[in-house]
Amino acid sequence: MPDQESPKEPEAQEPDAERRRRRARFLRELAEARELRARVQPRRAKAARLRHAMRMRTFRW
């Protein structure tokens, strides 16, 4: 059997700049998707905003 205890991960060898670039693109797309959802479902988005505000108010630092 081949040695499977230490598989080489391609992600571990990629440069930090590329990882940060992919992460930034992902976060931009995520924000865009949230904005779209807020426009399409305004009532649900308002409820989510209120729940988030309540969590922030009750959060202990």
N, C-alpha and C. Protein backbone atom coordinates (compact mmCIF):
# COMPACT_ATOMS: atom_id res chain seq x y z
N MET A 1 0.84 -1.20 0.00
CA MET A 1 0.00 0.00 0.00
C MET A 1 0.87 1.25 0.00
N PRO A 2 0.46 2.27 -0.71
CA PRO A 2 1.23 3.52 -0.68
C PRO A 2 1.07 4.22 0.67
N ASP A 3 2.03 5.00 0.99
CA ASP A 3 2.02 5.74 2.25
C ASP A 3 0.95 6.83 2.21
N GLN A 4 -0.09 6.67 3.01
CA GLN A 4 -1.19 7.64 3.00
C GLN A 4 -1.21 8.48 4.27
N GLU A 5 -0.23 8.31 5.12
CA GLU A 5 -0.21 9.06 6.36
C GLU A 5 0.19 10.52 6.16
N SER A 6 1.00 10.78 5.15
CA SER A 6 1.46 12.15 4.92
C SER A 6 1.21 12.55 3.46
N PRO A 7 -0.05 12.75 3.08
CA PRO A 7 -0.32 13.17 1.69
C PRO A 7 0.14 14.61 1.47
N LYS A 8 0.65 14.88 0.29
CA LYS A 8 1.07 16.24 -0.05
C LYS A 8 -0.15 17.05 -0.43
N GLU A 9 -0.37 18.14 0.26
CA GLU A 9 -1.51 19.01 -0.03
C GLU A 9 -1.05 20.14 -0.94
N PRO A 10 -1.70 20.30 -2.10
CA PRO A 10 -1.29 21.38 -2.99
C PRO A 10 -1.54 22.77 -2.38
N GLU A 11 -2.54 22.87 -1.51
CA GLU A 11 -2.84 24.17 -0.89
C GLU A 11 -1.72 24.64 0.04
N ALA A 12 -1.02 23.68 0.66
CA ALA A 12 0.02 24.04 1.61
C ALA A 12 1.24 24.64 0.91
N GLN A 13 1.37 24.39 -0.39
CA GLN A 13 2.55 24.86 -1.11
C GLN A 13 2.29 26.12 -1.92
N GLU A 14 1.03 26.57 -1.98
CA GLU A 14 0.76 27.77 -2.78
C GLU A 14 1.19 29.02 -2.01
N PRO A 15 1.56 30.06 -2.71
CA PRO A 15 2.01 31.27 -2.03
C PRO A 15 0.88 31.97 -1.28
N ASP A 16 1.25 32.67 -0.24
CA ASP A 16 0.27 33.40 0.57
C ASP A 16 -0.51 34.42 -0.26
N ALA A 17 0.16 35.07 -1.18
CA ALA A 17 -0.51 36.10 -1.99
C ALA A 17 -1.68 35.49 -2.77
N GLU A 18 -1.49 34.32 -3.32
CA GLU A 18 -2.57 33.67 -4.08
C GLU A 18 -3.73 33.30 -3.17
N ARG A 19 -3.41 32.80 -1.99
CA ARG A 19 -4.45 32.44 -1.03
C ARG A 19 -5.24 33.68 -0.61
N ARG A 20 -4.53 34.76 -0.34
CA ARG A 20 -5.22 36.00 0.05
C ARG A 20 -6.08 36.54 -1.09
N ARG A 21 -5.59 36.41 -2.33
CA ARG A 21 -6.35 36.87 -3.50
C ARG A 21 -7.65 36.06 -3.64
N ARG A 22 -7.54 34.73 -3.48
CA ARG A 22 -8.73 33.89 -3.58
C ARG A 22 -9.70 34.19 -2.45
N ARG A 23 -9.16 34.42 -1.25
CA ARG A 23 -10.02 34.72 -0.11
C ARG A 23 -10.75 36.05 -0.30
N ALA A 24 -10.05 37.06 -0.80
CA ALA A 24 -10.66 38.36 -1.05
C ALA A 24 -11.77 38.24 -2.08
N ARG A 25 -11.52 37.45 -3.14
CA ARG A 25 -12.55 37.26 -4.16
C ARG A 25 -13.76 36.55 -3.57
N PHE A 26 -13.52 35.54 -2.74
CA PHE A 26 -14.61 34.82 -2.10
C PHE A 26 -15.44 35.76 -1.21
N LEU A 27 -14.77 36.59 -0.43
CA LEU A 27 -15.49 37.49 0.47
C LEU A 27 -16.29 38.54 -0.31
N ARG A 28 -15.73 39.02 -1.44
CA ARG A 28 -16.49 39.95 -2.29
C ARG A 28 -17.75 39.29 -2.84
N GLU A 29 -17.62 38.05 -3.32
CA GLU A 29 -18.77 37.34 -3.86
C GLU A 29 -19.79 37.05 -2.78
N LEU A 30 -19.32 36.74 -1.57
CA LEU A 30 -20.23 36.48 -0.46
C LEU A 30 -21.03 37.74 -0.11
N ALA A 31 -20.35 38.88 -0.05
CA ALA A 31 -21.04 40.13 0.25
C ALA A 31 -22.06 40.46 -0.85
N GLU A 32 -21.68 40.21 -2.10
CA GLU A 32 -22.60 40.46 -3.21
C GLU A 32 -23.83 39.56 -3.10
N ALA A 33 -23.63 38.31 -2.73
CA ALA A 33 -24.75 37.37 -2.58
C ALA A 33 -25.66 37.81 -1.44
N ARG A 34 -25.08 38.30 -0.34
CA ARG A 34 -25.91 38.77 0.78
C ARG A 34 -26.73 39.99 0.38
N GLU A 35 -26.13 40.91 -0.38
CA GLU A 35 -26.87 42.08 -0.84
C GLU A 35 -28.02 41.68 -1.75
N LEU A 36 -27.76 40.74 -2.63
CA LEU A 36 -28.80 40.25 -3.53
C LEU A 36 -29.93 39.62 -2.74
N ARG A 37 -29.60 38.80 -1.76
CA ARG A 37 -30.62 38.15 -0.94
C ARG A 37 -31.44 39.19 -0.18
N ALA A 38 -30.76 40.23 0.31
CA ALA A 38 -31.47 41.29 1.04
C ALA A 38 -32.45 42.01 0.12
N ARG A 39 -32.08 42.19 -1.16
CA ARG A 39 -33.00 42.84 -2.10
C ARG A 39 -34.16 41.95 -2.47
N VAL A 40 -33.88 40.65 -2.62
CA VAL A 40 -34.92 39.72 -3.06
C VAL A 40 -35.87 39.37 -1.92
N GLN A 41 -35.37 39.28 -0.70
CA GLN A 41 -36.19 38.89 0.45
C GLN A 41 -36.06 39.94 1.55
N PRO A 42 -36.66 41.10 1.36
CA PRO A 42 -36.45 42.18 2.34
C PRO A 42 -36.96 41.85 3.75
N ARG A 43 -38.06 41.12 3.87
CA ARG A 43 -38.58 40.81 5.20
C ARG A 43 -37.63 39.89 5.96
N ARG A 44 -37.13 38.88 5.26
CA ARG A 44 -36.19 37.95 5.90
C ARG A 44 -34.88 38.65 6.24
N ALA A 45 -34.44 39.54 5.36
CA ALA A 45 -33.20 40.28 5.62
C ALA A 45 -33.36 41.19 6.83
N LYS A 46 -34.53 41.81 6.96
CA LYS A 46 -34.77 42.69 8.11
C LYS A 46 -34.75 41.87 9.40
N ALA A 47 -35.39 40.71 9.37
CA ALA A 47 -35.40 39.85 10.55
C ALA A 47 -33.98 39.41 10.90
N ALA A 48 -33.18 39.09 9.89
CA ALA A 48 -31.80 38.69 10.15
C ALA A 48 -31.00 39.84 10.75
N ARG A 49 -31.22 41.06 10.25
CA ARG A 49 -30.53 42.23 10.82
C ARG A 49 -30.92 42.43 12.27
N LEU A 50 -32.20 42.28 12.58
CA LEU A 50 -32.65 42.46 13.96
C LEU A 50 -32.07 41.38 14.87
N ARG A 51 -32.03 40.13 14.39
CA ARG A 51 -31.43 39.05 15.19
C ARG A 51 -29.95 39.32 15.44
N HIS A 52 -29.26 39.79 14.41
CA HIS A 52 -27.84 40.09 14.56
C HIS A 52 -27.64 41.23 15.56
N ALA A 53 -28.47 42.26 15.48
CA ALA A 53 -28.36 43.38 16.42
C ALA A 53 -28.60 42.91 17.85
N MET A 54 -29.58 42.02 18.03
CA MET A 54 -29.87 41.51 19.37
C MET A 54 -28.66 40.70 19.88
N ARG A 55 -28.07 39.88 19.02
CA ARG A 55 -26.88 39.13 19.44
C ARG A 55 -25.76 40.06 19.84
N MET A 56 -25.58 41.14 19.09
CA MET A 56 -24.50 42.08 19.40
C MET A 56 -24.78 42.80 20.71
N ARG A 57 -26.04 43.11 20.97
CA ARG A 57 -26.38 43.80 22.23
C ARG A 57 -26.16 42.91 23.43
N THR A 58 -26.43 41.61 23.29
CA THR A 58 -26.34 40.72 24.45
C THR A 58 -24.97 40.06 24.56
N PHE A 59 -24.07 40.33 23.62
CA PHE A 59 -22.76 39.71 23.66
C PHE A 59 -21.91 40.34 24.76
N ARG A 60 -21.24 39.48 25.53
CA ARG A 60 -20.36 39.98 26.61
C ARG A 60 -18.94 40.08 26.10
N TRP A 61 -18.31 41.23 26.24
CA TRP A 61 -16.92 41.39 25.82
C TRP A 61 -16.04 40.86 26.87
